Amino acid sequence: MDSYEFRIKTRREDIDFINKIMEAYEGVGIVRTKNANEGDLVIVSTTDFKEDVRMIVEDLNKKWIKVEIVCEGLWSGEL
């Protein structure tokens, strides 16, 4: 099981909401804020949960907030 990351772009005011949603899905992914002013986040997960994270982010974008996956791939090791 490898670590996997999603680089996310959102609005600054939605960062906490995304973090809370991911916390509710215990163990699926960890949110790291790269640049709060720019709305740059990374969600670190595993290859086993990557489809779940993608589904969560896409669902958030469809129903609740503006959020998009900028890129994804194996975790770079950077927190």
PDB file of N, CA and C in Angstrom:
ATOM      1  N   MET A   1       0.848  -1.167   0.000  1.00  0.00           N
ATOM      2  CA  MET A   1       0.000   0.000   0.000  1.00  0.00           C
ATOM      3  C   MET A   1       0.899   1.238   0.000  1.00  0.00           C
ATOM      4  N   ASP A   2       0.859   2.005  -1.086  1.00  0.00           N
ATOM      5  CA  ASP A   2       1.665   3.214  -1.222  1.00  0.00           C
ATOM      6  C   ASP A   2       0.853   4.438  -0.818  1.00  0.00           C
ATOM      7  N   SER A   3       1.569   5.484  -0.426  1.00  0.00           N
ATOM      8  CA  SER A   3       0.920   6.759  -0.129  1.00  0.00           C
ATOM      9  C   SER A   3       0.620   7.475  -1.444  1.00  0.00           C
ATOM     10  N   TYR A   4      -0.458   8.224  -1.439  1.00  0.00           N
ATOM     11  CA  TYR A   4      -0.958   8.880  -2.640  1.00  0.00           C
ATOM     12  C   TYR A   4      -1.390  10.289  -2.248  1.00  0.00           C
ATOM     13  N   GLU A   5      -1.234  11.260  -3.159  1.00  0.00           N
ATOM     14  CA  GLU A   5      -1.616  12.631  -2.830  1.00  0.00           C
ATOM     15  C   GLU A   5      -2.452  13.272  -3.924  1.00  0.00           C
ATOM     16  N   PHE A   6      -3.294  14.172  -3.473  1.00  0.00           N
ATOM     17  CA  PHE A   6      -4.115  14.998  -4.346  1.00  0.00           C
ATOM     18  C   PHE A   6      -3.753  16.447  -4.054  1.00  0.00           C
ATOM     19  N   ARG A   7      -3.355  17.180  -5.067  1.00  0.00           N
ATOM     20  CA  ARG A   7      -3.142  18.622  -4.920  1.00  0.00           C
ATOM     21  C   ARG A   7      -4.464  19.285  -5.280  1.00  0.00           C
ATOM     22  N   ILE A   8      -4.943  20.101  -4.351  1.00  0.00           N
ATOM     23  CA  ILE A   8      -6.288  20.664  -4.424  1.00  0.00           C
ATOM     24  C   ILE A   8      -6.222  22.186  -4.472  1.00  0.00           C
ATOM     25  N   LYS A   9      -7.149  22.774  -5.218  1.00  0.00           N
ATOM     26  CA  LYS A   9      -7.307  24.230  -5.267  1.00  0.00           C
ATOM     27  C   LYS A   9      -8.726  24.559  -4.828  1.00  0.00           C
ATOM     28  N   THR A  10      -8.839  25.496  -3.890  1.00  0.00           N
ATOM     29  CA  THR A  10     -10.142  25.900  -3.389  1.00  0.00           C
ATOM     30  C   THR A  10     -10.074  27.360  -2.948  1.00  0.00           C
ATOM     31  N   ARG A  11     -11.138  27.841  -2.366  1.00  0.00           N
ATOM     32  CA  ARG A  11     -11.132  29.190  -1.796  1.00  0.00           C
ATOM     33  C   ARG A  11     -10.636  29.108  -0.359  1.00  0.00           C
ATOM     34  N   ARG A  12      -9.971  30.134   0.084  1.00  0.00           N
ATOM     35  CA  ARG A  12      -9.421  30.164   1.437  1.00  0.00           C
ATOM     36  C   ARG A  12     -10.490  29.850   2.487  1.00  0.00           C
ATOM     37  N   GLU A  13     -11.670  30.413   2.318  1.00  0.00           N
ATOM     38  CA  GLU A  13     -12.722  30.252   3.323  1.00  0.00           C
ATOM     39  C   GLU A  13     -13.288  28.820   3.366  1.00  0.00           C
ATOM     40  N   ASP A  14     -12.949  27.988   2.396  1.00  0.00           N
ATOM     41  CA  ASP A  14     -13.446  26.611   2.375  1.00  0.00           C
ATOM     42  C   ASP A  14     -12.443  25.586   2.904  1.00  0.00           C
ATOM     43  N   ILE A  15     -11.253  26.020   3.249  1.00  0.00           N
ATOM     44  CA  ILE A  15     -10.207  25.095   3.711  1.00  0.00           C
ATOM     45  C   ILE A  15     -10.650  24.338   4.963  1.00  0.00           C
ATOM     46  N   ASP A  16     -11.171  25.027   5.941  1.00  0.00           N
ATOM     47  CA  ASP A  16     -11.573  24.378   7.192  1.00  0.00           C
ATOM     48  C   ASP A  16     -12.692  23.373   6.948  1.00  0.00           C
ATOM     49  N   PHE A  17     -13.635  23.720   6.079  1.00  0.00           N
ATOM     50  CA  PHE A  17     -14.736  22.803   5.757  1.00  0.00           C
ATOM     51  C   PHE A  17     -14.207  21.513   5.147  1.00  0.00           C
ATOM     52  N   ILE A  18     -13.281  21.622   4.204  1.00  0.00           N
ATOM     53  CA  ILE A  18     -12.693  20.441   3.580  1.00  0.00           C
ATOM     54  C   ILE A  18     -11.973  19.599   4.617  1.00  0.00           C
ATOM     55  N   ASN A  19     -11.233  20.249   5.490  1.00  0.00           N
ATOM     56  CA  ASN A  19     -10.520  19.532   6.548  1.00  0.00           C
ATOM     57  C   ASN A  19     -11.490  18.767   7.449  1.00  0.00           C
ATOM     58  N   LYS A  20     -12.574  19.401   7.825  1.00  0.00           N
ATOM     59  CA  LYS A  20     -13.567  18.754   8.697  1.00  0.00           C
ATOM     60  C   LYS A  20     -14.225  17.556   8.001  1.00  0.00           C
ATOM     61  N   ILE A  21     -14.531  17.706   6.728  1.00  0.00           N
ATOM     62  CA  ILE A  21     -15.127  16.598   5.974  1.00  0.00           C
ATOM     63  C   ILE A  21     -14.157  15.419   5.937  1.00  0.00           C
ATOM     64  N   MET A  22     -12.890  15.679   5.649  1.00  0.00           N
ATOM     65  CA  MET A  22     -11.906  14.594   5.587  1.00  0.00           C
ATOM     66  C   MET A  22     -11.698  13.960   6.963  1.00  0.00           C
ATOM     67  N   GLU A  23     -11.744  14.750   8.017  1.00  0.00           N
ATOM     68  CA  GLU A  23     -11.634  14.197   9.370  1.00  0.00           C
ATOM     69  C   GLU A  23     -12.802  13.264   9.675  1.00  0.00           C
ATOM     70  N   ALA A  24     -13.973  13.586   9.135  1.00  0.00           N
ATOM     71  CA  ALA A  24     -15.148  12.744   9.371  1.00  0.00           C
ATOM     72  C   ALA A  24     -14.988  11.365   8.734  1.00  0.00           C
ATOM     73  N   TYR A  25     -14.232  11.297   7.658  1.00  0.00           N
ATOM     74  CA  TYR A  25     -13.922  10.009   7.018  1.00  0.00           C
ATOM     75  C   TYR A  25     -12.620   9.482   7.618  1.00  0.00           C
ATOM     76  N   GLU A  26     -12.656   9.137   8.877  1.00  0.00           N
ATOM     77  CA  GLU A  26     -11.469   8.746   9.636  1.00  0.00           C
ATOM     78  C   GLU A  26     -10.576   7.786   8.870  1.00  0.00           C
ATOM     79  N   GLY A  27      -9.318   8.184   8.711  1.00  0.00           N
ATOM     80  CA  GLY A  27      -8.326   7.315   8.104  1.00  0.00           C
ATOM     81  C   GLY A  27      -8.262   7.329   6.591  1.00  0.00           C
ATOM     82  N   VAL A  28      -9.151   8.075   5.930  1.00  0.00           N
ATOM     83  CA  VAL A  28      -9.157   8.092   4.470  1.00  0.00           C
ATOM     84  C   VAL A  28      -8.098   9.044   3.920  1.00  0.00           C
ATOM     85  N   GLY A  29      -7.909  10.180   4.557  1.00  0.00           N
ATOM     86  CA  GLY A  29      -6.924  11.138   4.074  1.00  0.00           C
ATOM     87  C   GLY A  29      -6.643  12.217   5.096  1.00  0.00           C
ATOM     88  N   ILE A  30      -5.473  12.821   4.956  1.00  0.00           N
ATOM     89  CA  ILE A  30      -5.040  13.903   5.836  1.00  0.00           C
ATOM     90  C   ILE A  30      -4.857  15.153   4.994  1.00  0.00           C
ATOM     91  N   VAL A  31      -5.428  16.262   5.439  1.00  0.00           N
ATOM     92  CA  VAL A  31      -5.343  17.527   4.716  1.00  0.00           C
ATOM     93  C   VAL A  31      -4.148  18.323   5.227  1.00  0.00           C
ATOM     94  N   ARG A  32      -3.349  18.814   4.313  1.00  0.00           N
ATOM     95  CA  ARG A  32      -2.235  19.703   4.627  1.00  0.00           C
ATOM     96  C   ARG A  32      -2.402  20.972   3.808  1.00  0.00           C
ATOM     97  N   THR A  33      -2.356  22.111   4.469  1.00  0.00           N
ATOM     98  CA  THR A  33      -2.470  23.390   3.782  1.00  0.00           C
ATOM     99  C   THR A  33      -1.095  23.827   3.320  1.00  0.00           C
ATOM    100  N   LYS A  34      -0.944  24.034   2.025  1.00  0.00           N
ATOM    101  CA  LYS A  34       0.331  24.477   1.465  1.00  0.00           C
ATOM    102  C   LYS A  34       0.409  26.002   1.453  1.00  0.00           C
ATOM    103  N   ASN A  35      -0.666  26.649   1.022  1.00  0.00           N
ATOM    104  CA  ASN A  35      -0.723  28.111   0.976  1.00  0.00           C
ATOM    105  C   ASN A  35      -2.179  28.512   1.178  1.00  0.00           C
ATOM    106  N   ALA A  36      -2.498  28.928   2.388  1.00  0.00           N
ATOM    107  CA  ALA A  36      -3.885  29.250   2.726  1.00  0.00           C
ATOM    108  C   ALA A  36      -4.420  30.408   1.886  1.00  0.00           C
ATOM    109  N   ASN A  37      -3.613  31.433   1.667  1.00  0.00           N
ATOM    110  CA  ASN A  37      -4.077  32.589   0.900  1.00  0.00           C
ATOM    111  C   ASN A  37      -4.453  32.233  -0.532  1.00  0.00           C
ATOM    112  N   GLU A  38      -3.762  31.252  -1.093  1.00  0.00           N
ATOM    113  CA  GLU A  38      -4.030  30.819  -2.462  1.00  0.00           C
ATOM    114  C   GLU A  38      -5.013  29.651  -2.535  1.00  0.00           C
ATOM    115  N   GLY A  39      -5.364  29.060  -1.376  1.00  0.00           N
ATOM    116  CA  GLY A  39      -6.283  27.925  -1.347  1.00  0.00           C
ATOM    117  C   GLY A  39      -5.657  26.633  -1.837  1.00  0.00           C
ATOM    118  N   ASP A  40      -4.334  26.508  -1.642  1.00  0.00           N
ATOM    119  CA  ASP A  40      -3.608  25.317  -2.081  1.00  0.00           C
ATOM    120  C   ASP A  40      -3.527  24.298  -0.949  1.00  0.00           C
ATOM    121  N   LEU A  41      -4.061  23.110  -1.205  1.00  0.00           N
ATOM    122  CA  LEU A  41      -4.068  22.023  -0.228  1.00  0.00           C
ATOM    123  C   LEU A  41      -3.481  20.769  -0.839  1.00  0.00           C
ATOM    124  N   VAL A  42      -3.069  19.871   0.043  1.00  0.00           N
ATOM    125  CA  VAL A  42      -2.707  18.517  -0.358  1.00  0.00           C
ATOM    126  C   VAL A  42      -3.482  17.573   0.548  1.00  0.00           C
ATOM    127  N   ILE A  43      -4.102  16.579  -0.046  1.00  0.00           N
ATOM    128  CA  ILE A  43      -4.723  15.513   0.732  1.00  0.00           C
ATOM    129  C   ILE A  43      -3.854  14.279   0.532  1.00  0.00           C
ATOM    130  N   VAL A  44      -3.267  13.805   1.619  1.00  0.00           N
ATOM    131  CA  VAL A  44      -2.425  12.619   1.570  1.00  0.00           C
ATOM    132  C   VAL A  44      -3.266  11.427   1.999  1.00  0.00           C
ATOM    133  N   SER A  45      -3.229  10.400   1.177  1.00  0.00           N
ATOM    134  CA  SER A  45      -4.018   9.200   1.424  1.00  0.00           C
ATOM    135  C   SER A  45      -3.161   7.983   1.084  1.00  0.00           C
ATOM    136  N   THR A  46      -3.805   6.905   0.743  1.00  0.00           N
ATOM    137  CA  THR A  46      -3.111   5.713   0.258  1.00  0.00           C
ATOM    138  C   THR A  46      -3.727   5.312  -1.075  1.00  0.00           C
ATOM    139  N   THR A  47      -3.024   4.452  -1.788  1.00  0.00           N
ATOM    140  CA  THR A  47      -3.571   4.001  -3.067  1.00  0.00           C
ATOM    141  C   THR A  47      -4.879   3.243  -2.865  1.00  0.00           C
ATOM    142  N   ASP A  48      -5.047   2.630  -1.694  1.00  0.00           N
ATOM    143  CA  ASP A  48      -6.300   1.917  -1.406  1.00  0.00           C
ATOM    144  C   ASP A  48      -7.499   2.861  -1.297  1.00  0.00           C
ATOM    145  N   PHE A  49      -7.260   4.095  -0.866  1.00  0.00           N
ATOM    146  CA  PHE A  49      -8.352   5.049  -0.641  1.00  0.00           C
ATOM    147  C   PHE A  49      -8.417   6.161  -1.677  1.00  0.00           C
ATOM    148  N   LYS A  50      -7.581   6.107  -2.713  1.00  0.00           N
ATOM    149  CA  LYS A  50      -7.546   7.224  -3.658  1.00  0.00           C
ATOM    150  C   LYS A  50      -8.886   7.452  -4.358  1.00  0.00           C
ATOM    151  N   GLU A  51      -9.596   6.401  -4.683  1.00  0.00           N
ATOM    152  CA  GLU A  51     -10.903   6.574  -5.328  1.00  0.00           C
ATOM    153  C   GLU A  51     -11.912   7.201  -4.369  1.00  0.00           C
ATOM    154  N   ASP A  52     -11.812   6.869  -3.086  1.00  0.00           N
ATOM    155  CA  ASP A  52     -12.698   7.473  -2.085  1.00  0.00           C
ATOM    156  C   ASP A  52     -12.443   8.968  -1.966  1.00  0.00           C
ATOM    157  N   VAL A  53     -11.164   9.348  -1.913  1.00  0.00           N
ATOM    158  CA  VAL A  53     -10.821  10.772  -1.813  1.00  0.00           C
ATOM    159  C   VAL A  53     -11.302  11.510  -3.052  1.00  0.00           C
ATOM    160  N   ARG A  54     -11.067  10.934  -4.227  1.00  0.00           N
ATOM    161  CA  ARG A  54     -11.515  11.571  -5.463  1.00  0.00           C
ATOM    162  C   ARG A  54     -13.037  11.766  -5.442  1.00  0.00           C
ATOM    163  N   MET A  55     -13.764  10.748  -4.999  1.00  0.00           N
ATOM    164  CA  MET A  55     -15.220  10.830  -4.925  1.00  0.00           C
ATOM    165  C   MET A  55     -15.661  11.930  -3.958  1.00  0.00           C
ATOM    166  N   ILE A  56     -15.005  12.029  -2.804  1.00  0.00           N
ATOM    167  CA  ILE A  56     -15.350  13.050  -1.811  1.00  0.00           C
ATOM    168  C   ILE A  56     -15.138  14.442  -2.391  1.00  0.00           C
ATOM    169  N   VAL A  57     -13.982  14.673  -2.992  1.00  0.00           N
ATOM    170  CA  VAL A  57     -13.665  15.995  -3.554  1.00  0.00           C
ATOM    171  C   VAL A  57     -14.642  16.339  -4.682  1.00  0.00           C
ATOM    172  N   GLU A  58     -14.905  15.399  -5.563  1.00  0.00           N
ATOM    173  CA  GLU A  58     -15.837  15.664  -6.660  1.00  0.00           C
ATOM    174  C   GLU A  58     -17.248  15.935  -6.149  1.00  0.00           C
ATOM    175  N   ASP A  59     -17.660  15.221  -5.114  1.00  0.00           N
ATOM    176  CA  ASP A  59     -18.974  15.445  -4.523  1.00  0.00           C
ATOM    177  C   ASP A  59     -19.055  16.825  -3.870  1.00  0.00           C
ATOM    178  N   LEU A  60     -18.000  17.214  -3.163  1.00  0.00           N
ATOM    179  CA  LEU A  60     -17.966  18.548  -2.568  1.00  0.00           C
ATOM    180  C   LEU A  60     -18.111  19.613  -3.650  1.00  0.00           C
ATOM    181  N   ASN A  61     -17.422  19.430  -4.761  1.00  0.00           N
ATOM    182  CA  ASN A  61     -17.473  20.411  -5.844  1.00  0.00           C
ATOM    183  C   ASN A  61     -18.852  20.469  -6.495  1.00  0.00           C
ATOM    184  N   LYS A  62     -19.525  19.355  -6.604  1.00  0.00           N
ATOM    185  CA  LYS A  62     -20.854  19.329  -7.231  1.00  0.00           C
ATOM    186  C   LYS A  62     -21.924  19.946  -6.342  1.00  0.00           C
ATOM    187  N   LYS A  63     -21.818  19.737  -5.025  1.00  0.00           N
ATOM    188  CA  LYS A  63     -22.927  20.087  -4.136  1.00  0.00           C
ATOM    189  C   LYS A  63     -22.674  21.243  -3.178  1.00  0.00           C
ATOM    190  N   TRP A  64     -21.416  21.494  -2.825  1.00  0.00           N
ATOM    191  CA  TRP A  64     -21.205  22.399  -1.703  1.00  0.00           C
ATOM    192  C   TRP A  64     -20.287  23.577  -1.979  1.00  0.00           C
ATOM    193  N   ILE A  65     -19.089  23.326  -2.447  1.00  0.00           N
ATOM    194  CA  ILE A  65     -18.085  24.387  -2.554  1.00  0.00           C
ATOM    195  C   ILE A  65     -17.309  24.261  -3.851  1.00  0.00           C
ATOM    196  N   LYS A  66     -16.559  25.299  -4.182  1.00  0.00           N
ATOM    197  CA  LYS A  66     -15.678  25.266  -5.350  1.00  0.00           C
ATOM    198  C   LYS A  66     -14.366  24.619  -4.932  1.00  0.00           C
ATOM    199  N   VAL A  67     -14.092  23.445  -5.470  1.00  0.00           N
ATOM    200  CA  VAL A  67     -12.848  22.729  -5.169  1.00  0.00           C
ATOM    201  C   VAL A  67     -12.498  21.870  -6.376  1.00  0.00           C
ATOM    202  N   GLU A  68     -11.223  21.838  -6.721  1.00  0.00           N
ATOM    203  CA  GLU A  68     -10.812  21.019  -7.856  1.00  0.00           C
ATOM    204  C   GLU A  68      -9.492  20.312  -7.571  1.00  0.00           C
ATOM    205  N   ILE A  69      -9.342  19.156  -8.162  1.00  0.00           N
ATOM    206  CA  ILE A  69      -8.089  18.415  -8.088  1.00  0.00           C
ATOM    207  C   ILE A  69      -7.197  18.953  -9.193  1.00  0.00           C
ATOM    208  N   VAL A  70      -6.070  19.545  -8.792  1.00  0.00           N
ATOM    209  CA  VAL A  70      -5.131  20.110  -9.762  1.00  0.00           C
ATOM    210  C   VAL A  70      -4.259  19.009 -10.351  1.00  0.00           C
ATOM    211  N   CYS A  71      -3.755  18.137  -9.498  1.00  0.00           N
ATOM    212  CA  CYS A  71      -3.001  16.975  -9.950  1.00  0.00           C
ATOM    213  C   CYS A  71      -3.005  15.922  -8.841  1.00  0.00           C
ATOM    214  N   GLU A  72      -2.619  14.734  -9.210  1.00  0.00           N
ATOM    215  CA  GLU A  72      -2.579  13.640  -8.241  1.00  0.00           C
ATOM    216  C   GLU A  72      -1.517  12.654  -8.644  1.00  0.00           C
ATOM    217  N   GLY A  73      -1.069  11.874  -7.676  1.00  0.00           N
ATOM    218  CA  GLY A  73      -0.079  10.852  -7.959  1.00  0.00           C
ATOM    219  C   GLY A  73       0.504  10.313  -6.674  1.00  0.00           C
ATOM    220  N   LEU A  74       1.516   9.484  -6.806  1.00  0.00           N
ATOM    221  CA  LEU A  74       2.160   8.949  -5.612  1.00  0.00           C
ATOM    222  C   LEU A  74       2.686  10.098  -4.770  1.00  0.00           C
ATOM    223  N   TRP A  75       2.603   9.929  -3.471  1.00  0.00           N
ATOM    224  CA  TRP A  75       2.974  10.976  -2.517  1.00  0.00           C
ATOM    225  C   TRP A  75       4.433  11.367  -2.675  1.00  0.00           C
ATOM    226  N   SER A  76       4.674  12.663  -2.717  1.00  0.00           N
ATOM    227  CA  SER A  76       6.028  13.199  -2.893  1.00  0.00           C
ATOM    228  C   SER A  76       6.872  13.089  -1.632  1.00  0.00           C
ATOM    229  N   GLY A  77       6.227  12.797  -0.509  1.00  0.00           N
ATOM    230  CA  GLY A  77       6.940  12.705   0.764  1.00  0.00           C
ATOM    231  C   GLY A  77       6.987  14.028   1.512  1.00  0.00           C
ATOM    232  N   GLU A  78       6.426  15.055   0.922  1.00  0.00           N
ATOM    233  CA  GLU A  78       6.434  16.382   1.524  1.00  0.00           C
ATOM    234  C   GLU A  78       5.170  16.607   2.342  1.00  0.00           C
ATOM    235  N   LEU A  79       5.353  17.061   3.586  1.00  0.00           N
ATOM    236  CA  LEU A  79       4.212  17.437   4.408  1.00  0.00           C
ATOM    237  C   LEU A  79       4.172  18.918   4.475  1.00  0.00           C
TER     238      LEU A  79
END
